[in-house]
Amino acid sequence: MTVADIVSSALGGHLEFRVEAYDGSVAEPTTVSPANSLTLKILTRDALTRVATHPGELGLARAYVAGDIDLDGDLDALFYLSTPPLTKLLSKDNIAAILRLLGPEGLKPLAPPPIEATPRGLLHSRRRDAQSVSHHYDVSNRFYEMVLGPSMTYSCAVFRSPEDTLEVAQRRKVDLVAKKLNLSSETRLLDVGCGWGTMALHAATTYGTSVVGVTLSREQQRYATEAARAAGVEHLVEFRLQDYRDVRDGPFDAISSIGMAEHVGRRGLDAYAQNLFDLLRPGGRFLNHAISRPPSFDPDPRPSRASLAARGVQVALGMRGPSKIGSSFIERYVFPDGELHEVGTLVTLFQSHGFEVRHLESLREHYALTLRRWVANLEKRYDEAVEEVGEARARVWRLYMAGSAVGFERRHLEVHQILCAKPLRGASGLALRNDFEPDF
């Protein structure tokens, strides 16, 4: 049996894509599918070893990251594939065929790729969170500039039209947050998980706001501090290498948390909400912008054939529940310890800690557009990216961003902004009519 035959057999003979293997064997699609234009290239014997010793998503993820398999064609097609049951992958015939090809040594597990995350310590402890954040963000500021563009904003933009530039849409997003928080020169803002400083710098340069930004990434803190100096607002903005749980110099008039709550974890959400409530002055506002998971149903129109988008993206990002899933592609290579929550859970949580939820907005379609722009940026400068961070990491980012774009387009992922107020003698401090729309 050839390598291509083994793949076809593992899929029950229902092959949706072309297979090319290192032994010269080829298998053509046997089933009409959006993935017919996709070619799976099995480049080394190690690919079989990785899949045989870690069947399912982990083995495939390691083979892809290590360069033992490759994909040619439109990556979107990948996320429409059906996923075979492990009973087919591990059938006696397939195991016997792999043994004949590789010998007993072929079933000896291989070391995982070096860029696989290995955080240590208690889940969501300060030490472990710092490791997880560093794994993702302390990669290379130059690499992130290639992907994110000049705005250096690693969260959902806000588009008025698909023709908007990414930079205009990202500026509109931070201005939307600024208007929801009613920022001014009289405001003191805490930006939790401040990233490369875009929100804080916009608040300072546009509204004269005094800002404290906190991050666990040394590279982000360094970049943001230099950017504040270049913008001439270092007297208004302080960027700290600090866990939000250790901020002690409240109260603040406003708090923004953009793309940070995904790192907190379910067991830490109560402390997250209470800490931010305690840091906010009565009458102040708090905005939480975070990716979320839909309620526990499958929005895919073909529930009998769970797509890779449904399974791969949902499992990888913890969408089947708030628990950590250690075997997933994104858990191992992108966001270690990341957890997503249904938006209703967050609303209930914030209100249970004293906040009054005043406004909720979904930006799901906007994130799909944002991710498409990031993928295009990476593909345009792919060779530079490989030179900067290595082939493995560039491959990871391309696949995870393309898969996430499909996830938002098909509602396997959501993103919401939740605006909360800390009531002052029963008053929220918000106007009777909310008009948060940016002017551009």
Protein backbone atom coordinates (compact mmCIF):
# COMPACT_ATOMS: atom_id res chain seq x y z
CA MET A 1 0.00 0.00 0.00
CA THR A 2 1.38 3.42 -0.95
CA VAL A 3 1.30 6.49 1.27
CA ALA A 4 -1.48 8.00 -0.85
CA ASP A 5 -3.44 4.76 -0.49
CA ILE A 6 -3.10 4.94 3.31
CA VAL A 7 -4.52 8.48 3.34
CA SER A 8 -7.40 7.46 1.09
CA SER A 9 -8.11 4.40 3.25
CA ALA A 10 -8.05 6.48 6.44
CA LEU A 11 -10.76 8.68 4.89
CA GLY A 12 -12.89 5.70 3.97
CA GLY A 13 -12.18 6.18 0.29
CA HIS A 14 -13.99 9.54 0.30
CA LEU A 15 -11.11 11.79 -0.71
CA GLU A 16 -11.98 15.48 -1.04
CA PHE A 17 -8.50 16.71 -1.98
CA ARG A 18 -5.46 15.64 -4.00
CA VAL A 19 -2.64 13.80 -2.23
CA GLU A 20 1.01 13.81 -3.29
CA ALA A 21 3.44 11.76 -1.19
CA TYR A 22 7.20 11.45 -0.81
CA ASP A 23 7.12 7.92 -2.25
CA GLY A 24 5.83 9.28 -5.56
CA SER A 25 2.27 8.10 -5.03
CA VAL A 26 -0.68 10.32 -5.93
CA ALA A 27 -4.38 10.11 -5.14
CA GLU A 28 -7.02 12.25 -6.82
CA PRO A 29 -10.26 13.46 -5.20
CA THR A 30 -13.10 10.97 -5.33
CA THR A 31 -15.78 13.24 -3.84
CA VAL A 32 -16.98 16.60 -5.15
CA SER A 33 -16.07 19.20 -2.52
CA PRO A 34 -14.87 22.81 -2.16
CA ALA A 35 -11.54 21.19 -1.21
CA ASN A 36 -11.04 19.54 -4.62
CA SER A 37 -8.53 22.26 -5.55
CA LEU A 38 -6.44 21.61 -2.43
CA THR A 39 -3.33 19.42 -2.51
CA LEU A 40 -1.97 17.75 0.61
CA LYS A 41 1.75 17.12 0.21
CA ILE A 42 3.20 14.46 2.50
CA LEU A 43 6.88 15.35 2.34
CA THR A 44 8.57 12.97 4.77
CA ARG A 45 8.23 9.64 6.53
CA ASP A 46 8.05 11.60 9.79
CA ALA A 47 4.57 12.82 8.81
CA LEU A 48 3.24 9.28 9.13
CA THR A 49 5.06 8.77 12.41
CA ARG A 50 3.59 11.94 13.91
CA VAL A 51 0.04 11.06 12.89
CA ALA A 52 0.36 7.41 13.94
CA THR A 53 1.80 8.25 17.38
CA HIS A 54 -0.53 11.22 18.04
CA PRO A 55 -3.66 10.51 15.98
CA GLY A 56 -5.96 13.40 15.16
CA GLU A 57 -5.38 17.12 15.44
CA LEU A 58 -2.15 17.08 17.46
CA GLY A 59 -0.28 14.76 15.10
CA LEU A 60 -1.43 16.70 12.05
CA ALA A 61 -0.55 20.02 13.70
CA ARG A 62 2.96 18.86 14.56
CA ALA A 63 3.50 17.46 11.06
CA TYR A 64 2.39 20.76 9.53
CA VAL A 65 4.48 22.97 11.83
CA ALA A 66 7.55 20.75 11.39
CA GLY A 67 7.23 20.94 7.61
CA ASP A 68 6.51 17.22 7.21
CA ILE A 69 3.29 18.05 5.36
CA ASP A 70 2.34 21.06 3.28
CA LEU A 71 -0.78 22.46 1.64
CA ASP A 72 -1.12 23.90 -1.85
CA GLY A 73 -4.17 25.85 -2.93
CA ASP A 74 -6.72 28.12 -1.28
CA LEU A 75 -6.51 27.54 2.47
CA ASP A 76 -10.21 28.35 2.87
CA ALA A 77 -10.99 24.99 1.29
CA LEU A 78 -9.22 23.26 4.19
CA PHE A 79 -11.85 24.47 6.64
CA TYR A 80 -14.68 22.82 4.75
CA LEU A 81 -13.24 19.33 5.03
CA SER A 82 -14.94 16.58 6.95
CA THR A 83 -12.93 15.06 9.78
CA PRO A 84 -12.62 11.26 9.81
CA PRO A 85 -13.25 9.33 13.02
CA LEU A 86 -10.18 7.99 14.80
CA THR A 87 -11.46 4.45 14.26
CA LYS A 88 -10.73 4.87 10.56
CA LEU A 89 -7.35 6.49 11.11
CA LEU A 90 -6.36 3.69 13.48
CA SER A 91 -7.84 0.78 11.58
CA LYS A 92 -5.84 -2.46 11.61
CA ASP A 93 -5.17 -2.17 7.89
CA ASN A 94 -3.77 1.37 8.21
CA ILE A 95 -1.58 0.54 11.20
CA ALA A 96 -0.31 -2.58 9.43
CA ALA A 97 0.46 -0.56 6.28
CA ILE A 98 2.34 2.09 8.26
CA LEU A 99 4.34 -0.62 10.04
CA ARG A 100 5.31 -2.15 6.71
CA LEU A 101 6.40 1.24 5.38
CA LEU A 102 8.23 2.49 8.45
CA GLY A 103 9.06 -0.56 10.54
CA PRO A 104 8.72 -0.66 14.34
CA GLU A 105 10.95 2.41 14.66
CA GLY A 106 8.33 4.38 12.76
CA LEU A 107 6.02 4.19 15.76
CA LYS A 108 8.51 5.79 18.11
CA PRO A 109 7.21 9.31 18.97
CA LEU A 110 9.21 12.25 17.62
CA ALA A 111 10.11 15.37 19.55
CA PRO A 112 7.54 18.15 19.02
CA PRO A 113 8.56 21.20 16.96
CA PRO A 114 10.69 23.64 19.01
CA ILE A 115 8.10 26.44 18.83
CA GLU A 116 5.45 24.37 20.61
CA ALA A 117 4.32 26.15 23.78
CA THR A 118 5.18 24.50 27.08
CA PRO A 119 3.96 26.83 29.86
CA ARG A 120 4.72 25.62 33.37
CA GLY A 121 3.00 26.17 36.69
CA LEU A 122 -0.55 26.60 37.94
CA LEU A 123 -3.00 27.46 35.16
CA HIS A 124 -3.54 31.25 34.98
CA SER A 125 -1.11 31.99 37.78
CA ARG A 126 0.85 35.22 37.27
CA ARG A 127 3.99 33.29 36.33
CA ARG A 128 2.27 30.99 33.84
CA ASP A 129 0.24 33.80 32.26
CA ALA A 130 3.48 35.72 31.69
CA GLN A 131 4.97 32.67 29.93
CA SER A 132 1.90 32.23 27.72
CA VAL A 133 1.75 35.90 26.76
CA SER A 134 5.47 35.96 26.01
CA HIS A 135 5.14 32.89 23.78
CA HIS A 136 2.68 34.70 21.55
CA TYR A 137 3.71 38.35 21.68
CA ASP A 138 7.47 38.36 22.27
CA VAL A 139 8.07 36.95 18.81
CA SER A 140 9.32 39.97 16.90
CA ASN A 141 7.92 43.48 16.71
CA ARG A 142 9.07 43.64 13.08
CA PHE A 143 7.08 40.49 12.28
CA TYR A 144 3.95 41.98 13.81
CA GLU A 145 4.50 45.17 11.79
CA MET A 146 4.48 43.03 8.63
CA VAL A 147 1.20 41.36 9.61
CA LEU A 148 -0.71 44.14 11.38
CA GLY A 149 0.45 47.07 9.31
CA PRO A 150 1.27 50.58 10.56
CA SER A 151 -1.54 50.65 13.14
CA MET A 152 0.07 47.78 15.13
CA THR A 153 -3.40 46.88 16.39
CA TYR A 154 -3.98 43.20 17.10
CA SER A 155 -7.75 43.19 17.45
CA CYS A 156 -10.86 43.66 15.35
CA ALA A 157 -11.04 46.82 13.22
CA VAL A 158 -14.31 48.64 12.44
CA PHE A 159 -15.15 49.05 8.76
CA ARG A 160 -17.73 51.34 7.19
CA SER A 161 -17.05 49.62 3.88
CA PRO A 162 -14.93 46.64 2.77
CA GLU A 163 -12.96 49.17 0.72
CA ASP A 164 -11.69 50.94 3.87
CA THR A 165 -7.98 50.62 4.47
CA LEU A 166 -7.00 48.57 7.50
CA GLU A 167 -5.34 51.62 9.06
CA VAL A 168 -8.51 53.75 8.79
CA ALA A 169 -10.64 50.89 10.15
CA GLN A 170 -8.31 50.35 13.12
CA ARG A 171 -8.28 54.07 13.92
CA ARG A 172 -12.09 54.00 13.80
CA LYS A 173 -12.10 51.09 16.27
CA VAL A 174 -9.98 52.81 18.89
CA ASP A 175 -12.00 56.00 18.43
CA LEU A 176 -15.19 54.00 18.91
CA VAL A 177 -13.77 52.76 22.23
CA ALA A 178 -12.72 56.30 23.17
CA LYS A 179 -16.23 57.64 22.53
CA LYS A 180 -17.87 54.82 24.47
CA LEU A 181 -15.58 55.62 27.40
CA ASN A 182 -16.22 59.39 27.02
CA LEU A 183 -12.49 60.17 27.08
CA SER A 184 -11.25 63.73 27.54
CA SER A 185 -8.31 65.65 28.94
CA GLU A 186 -9.94 65.26 32.36
CA THR A 187 -9.97 61.45 32.11
CA ARG A 188 -7.51 58.95 33.56
CA LEU A 189 -7.60 55.70 31.56
CA LEU A 190 -6.29 52.23 32.43
CA ASP A 191 -5.65 50.18 29.27
CA VAL A 192 -5.46 46.52 30.32
CA GLY A 193 -3.44 44.39 27.91
CA CYS A 194 -2.31 47.51 26.07
CA GLY A 195 -0.49 45.70 23.26
CA TRP A 196 1.79 47.95 21.24
CA GLY A 197 0.06 51.01 22.65
CA THR A 198 -2.38 51.99 19.89
CA MET A 199 -5.40 52.63 22.12
CA ALA A 200 -3.38 54.51 24.73
CA LEU A 201 -1.62 56.65 22.12
CA HIS A 202 -4.90 57.51 20.40
CA ALA A 203 -6.43 58.51 23.74
CA ALA A 204 -3.46 60.74 24.56
CA THR A 205 -2.94 62.36 21.15
CA THR A 206 -6.61 62.85 20.22
CA TYR A 207 -8.26 63.50 23.59
CA GLY A 208 -5.38 64.57 25.85
CA THR A 209 -6.19 61.65 28.15
CA SER A 210 -3.75 60.49 30.83
CA VAL A 211 -3.17 56.75 30.34
CA VAL A 212 -1.59 53.81 32.17
CA GLY A 213 -1.12 50.81 29.88
CA VAL A 214 -0.16 47.40 31.27
CA THR A 215 1.14 44.36 29.41
CA LEU A 216 3.03 41.15 30.21
CA SER A 217 5.05 41.39 26.98
CA ARG A 218 8.48 43.01 27.20
CA GLU A 219 8.56 43.60 23.45
CA GLN A 220 5.19 45.35 23.51
CA GLN A 221 6.14 47.51 26.49
CA ARG A 222 9.38 48.57 24.80
CA TYR A 223 7.70 49.32 21.47
CA ALA A 224 4.83 51.28 23.04
CA THR A 225 7.16 53.37 25.20
CA GLU A 226 9.24 54.33 22.17
CA ALA A 227 6.07 55.13 20.21
CA ALA A 228 4.84 57.46 22.98
CA ARG A 229 8.16 59.26 22.95
CA ALA A 230 8.05 59.63 19.17
CA ALA A 231 4.50 60.99 19.36
CA GLY A 232 5.48 63.50 22.04
CA VAL A 233 3.01 62.20 24.63
CA GLU A 234 5.37 60.47 27.04
CA HIS A 235 4.18 62.93 29.71
CA LEU A 236 0.63 61.58 29.33
CA VAL A 237 1.25 57.85 28.82
CA GLU A 238 2.99 55.27 30.98
CA PHE A 239 3.45 51.73 29.73
CA ARG A 240 4.20 49.16 32.41
CA LEU A 241 5.37 45.57 32.33
CA GLN A 242 2.78 44.58 34.91
CA ASP A 243 0.02 42.07 35.57
CA TYR A 244 -3.37 43.82 35.77
CA ARG A 245 -3.88 42.07 39.11
CA ASP A 246 -0.98 44.08 40.54
CA VAL A 247 -2.23 47.56 39.57
CA ARG A 248 -2.66 49.45 42.83
CA ASP A 249 -2.86 53.13 41.86
CA GLY A 250 -6.57 53.53 41.13
CA PRO A 251 -9.09 54.91 40.88
CA PHE A 252 -9.34 55.40 37.12
CA ASP A 253 -12.11 57.23 35.30
CA ALA A 254 -12.20 54.65 32.52
CA ILE A 255 -10.83 51.19 31.79
CA SER A 256 -10.39 49.57 28.38
CA SER A 257 -9.64 45.89 27.88
CA ILE A 258 -9.24 45.09 24.18
CA GLY A 259 -8.42 41.51 23.21
CA MET A 260 -7.15 40.67 26.68
CA ALA A 261 -10.00 38.81 28.43
CA GLU A 262 -9.37 35.78 26.19
CA HIS A 263 -6.18 35.20 28.19
CA VAL A 264 -7.83 35.34 31.61
CA GLY A 265 -9.48 31.91 31.79
CA ARG A 266 -12.79 30.97 33.38
CA ARG A 267 -11.32 30.43 36.80
CA GLY A 268 -9.88 33.95 36.71
CA LEU A 269 -12.92 35.82 35.40
CA ASP A 270 -14.36 36.62 38.83
CA ALA A 271 -11.08 38.15 40.00
CA TYR A 272 -10.76 39.97 36.66
CA ALA A 273 -14.18 41.59 37.00
CA GLN A 274 -13.73 42.42 40.69
CA ASN A 275 -10.24 43.89 40.25
CA LEU A 276 -11.39 46.18 37.45
CA PHE A 277 -14.53 47.18 39.37
CA ASP A 278 -12.39 48.13 42.37
CA LEU A 279 -9.97 50.15 40.17
CA LEU A 280 -12.78 52.20 38.62
CA ARG A 281 -14.20 55.30 40.31
CA PRO A 282 -17.96 55.44 40.88
CA GLY A 283 -19.50 56.85 37.72
CA GLY A 284 -16.65 55.53 35.61
CA ARG A 285 -16.90 53.35 32.52
CA PHE A 286 -15.36 50.00 31.58
CA LEU A 287 -15.26 48.55 28.05
CA ASN A 288 -14.49 44.87 27.45
CA HIS A 289 -13.70 43.92 23.84
CA ALA A 290 -13.18 40.16 23.43
CA ILE A 291 -13.61 37.20 21.12
CA SER A 292 -16.39 34.94 22.33
CA ARG A 293 -17.90 31.60 21.44
CA PRO A 294 -21.49 31.16 20.32
CA PRO A 295 -23.97 29.28 22.48
CA SER A 296 -23.69 25.50 22.47
CA PHE A 297 -25.15 24.73 19.09
CA ASP A 298 -23.64 23.99 15.70
CA PRO A 299 -24.44 26.84 13.28
CA ASP A 300 -23.06 24.80 10.38
CA PRO A 301 -25.90 23.98 7.93
CA ARG A 302 -24.60 20.40 7.65
CA PRO A 303 -24.63 19.15 11.27
CA SER A 304 -24.16 15.54 10.19
CA ARG A 305 -20.77 16.41 8.67
CA ALA A 306 -18.89 18.48 11.23
CA SER A 307 -16.58 20.69 9.18
CA LEU A 308 -12.97 21.39 10.08
CA ALA A 309 -14.01 24.99 10.66
CA ALA A 310 -16.52 23.81 13.26
CA ARG A 311 -14.24 21.27 14.88
CA GLY A 312 -10.80 22.70 14.28
CA VAL A 313 -11.57 26.31 15.13
CA GLN A 314 -14.02 25.52 17.93
CA VAL A 315 -11.80 22.96 19.64
CA ALA A 316 -8.61 24.92 19.07
CA LEU A 317 -10.02 28.05 20.67
CA GLY A 318 -11.95 26.32 23.41
CA MET A 319 -15.35 27.01 21.90
CA ARG A 320 -16.88 23.78 23.17
CA GLY A 321 -16.59 25.10 26.68
CA PRO A 322 -14.32 27.28 28.79
CA SER A 323 -11.92 24.46 29.59
CA LYS A 324 -8.37 24.38 28.34
CA ILE A 325 -7.83 21.90 25.49
CA GLY A 326 -4.18 20.90 25.42
CA SER A 327 -4.04 18.96 22.16
CA SER A 328 -5.23 21.69 19.81
CA PHE A 329 -3.24 23.46 17.12
CA ILE A 330 -3.95 26.94 18.49
CA GLU A 331 -3.44 25.89 22.10
CA ARG A 332 0.01 24.48 21.30
CA TYR A 333 1.26 27.00 18.76
CA VAL A 334 -0.68 30.24 19.01
CA PHE A 335 -2.55 31.08 22.24
CA PRO A 336 -1.48 28.73 25.04
CA ASP A 337 -4.06 28.69 27.86
CA GLY A 338 -6.46 30.87 25.85
CA GLU A 339 -10.15 30.42 26.71
CA LEU A 340 -13.30 31.84 25.12
CA HIS A 341 -16.65 32.45 26.77
CA GLU A 342 -20.20 32.99 25.58
CA VAL A 343 -21.08 36.69 25.70
CA GLY A 344 -24.03 36.09 28.04
CA THR A 345 -21.64 34.59 30.57
CA LEU A 346 -19.57 37.78 30.51
CA VAL A 347 -22.61 40.04 30.82
CA THR A 348 -23.87 38.08 33.83
CA LEU A 349 -20.41 38.05 35.37
CA PHE A 350 -19.86 41.81 35.07
CA GLN A 351 -23.29 42.58 36.51
CA SER A 352 -22.78 40.15 39.39
CA HIS A 353 -19.69 42.15 40.39
CA GLY A 354 -21.53 45.46 40.52
CA PHE A 355 -21.22 46.78 36.97
CA GLU A 356 -24.27 47.94 35.06
CA VAL A 357 -24.09 46.73 31.46
CA ARG A 358 -25.19 49.66 29.28
CA HIS A 359 -24.35 48.69 25.71
CA LEU A 360 -23.40 45.55 23.79
CA GLU A 361 -22.20 45.45 20.19
CA SER A 362 -21.20 42.56 17.94
CA LEU A 363 -18.39 43.15 15.45
CA ARG A 364 -18.22 39.63 14.03
CA GLU A 365 -18.18 40.50 10.33
CA HIS A 366 -15.60 43.21 10.99
CA TYR A 367 -13.18 40.68 12.45
CA ALA A 368 -13.46 38.48 9.36
CA LEU A 369 -12.49 41.48 7.22
CA THR A 370 -9.64 42.33 9.59
CA LEU A 371 -8.21 38.82 9.46
CA ARG A 372 -8.41 38.76 5.67
CA ARG A 373 -6.26 41.91 5.60
CA TRP A 374 -3.74 40.37 8.00
CA VAL A 375 -3.47 37.21 5.90
CA ALA A 376 -2.94 39.33 2.78
CA ASN A 377 -0.22 41.33 4.57
CA LEU A 378 1.58 38.15 5.60
CA GLU A 379 1.35 36.56 2.17
CA LYS A 380 2.67 39.72 0.53
CA ARG A 381 5.77 39.69 2.76
CA TYR A 382 5.97 35.97 3.44
CA ASP A 383 9.65 35.56 2.56
CA GLU A 384 10.55 38.46 4.88
CA ALA A 385 8.45 36.94 7.63
CA VAL A 386 10.20 33.58 7.28
CA GLU A 387 13.57 35.32 7.48
CA GLU A 388 12.46 37.17 10.62
CA VAL A 389 10.73 34.42 12.65
CA GLY A 390 11.38 31.16 10.79
CA GLU A 391 9.33 29.00 8.46
CA ALA A 392 7.46 27.17 11.24
CA ARG A 393 6.06 30.28 12.90
CA ALA A 394 5.15 31.93 9.60
CA ARG A 395 3.22 28.78 8.61
CA VAL A 396 1.42 28.75 11.96
CA TRP A 397 0.30 32.36 11.67
CA ARG A 398 -0.90 31.96 8.09
CA LEU A 399 -3.01 28.91 8.93
CA TYR A 400 -4.44 30.20 12.21
CA MET A 401 -5.45 33.58 10.77
CA ALA A 402 -7.04 32.03 7.66
CA GLY A 403 -8.94 29.53 9.83
CA SER A 404 -10.07 32.25 12.21
CA ALA A 405 -11.38 34.36 9.30
CA VAL A 406 -13.53 31.42 8.22
CA GLY A 407 -14.61 30.95 11.84
CA PHE A 408 -15.94 34.51 12.07
CA GLU A 409 -17.56 34.36 8.64
CA ARG A 410 -19.45 31.18 9.54
CA ARG A 411 -20.24 32.25 13.12
CA HIS A 412 -18.09 29.66 14.81
CA LEU A 413 -16.45 32.68 16.46
CA GLU A 414 -17.92 35.97 17.64
CA VAL A 415 -16.52 39.23 19.04
CA HIS A 416 -18.32 41.73 21.26
CA GLN A 417 -17.78 45.07 22.93
CA ILE A 418 -19.51 45.29 26.31
CA LEU A 419 -19.76 48.77 27.83
CA CYS A 420 -20.26 48.83 31.59
CA ALA A 421 -20.72 51.61 34.12
CA LYS A 422 -19.93 51.67 37.83
CA PRO A 423 -23.08 53.31 39.18
CA LEU A 424 -22.85 56.44 41.32
CA ARG A 425 -25.87 56.73 43.63
CA GLY A 426 -27.88 54.73 41.09
CA ALA A 427 -26.87 56.86 38.08
CA SER A 428 -24.80 55.45 35.22
CA GLY A 429 -23.43 58.77 34.05
CA LEU A 430 -24.36 57.98 30.44
CA ALA A 431 -26.52 60.22 28.26
CA LEU A 432 -30.14 59.26 27.59
CA ARG A 433 -29.18 58.52 23.99
CA ASN A 434 -25.87 56.84 23.19
CA ASP A 435 -24.13 58.16 20.09
CA PHE A 436 -20.74 56.49 19.88
CA GLU A 437 -20.21 56.63 16.10
CA PRO A 438 -16.77 57.97 15.13
CA ASP A 439 -16.76 60.97 12.80
CA PHE A 440 -14.72 59.27 10.04
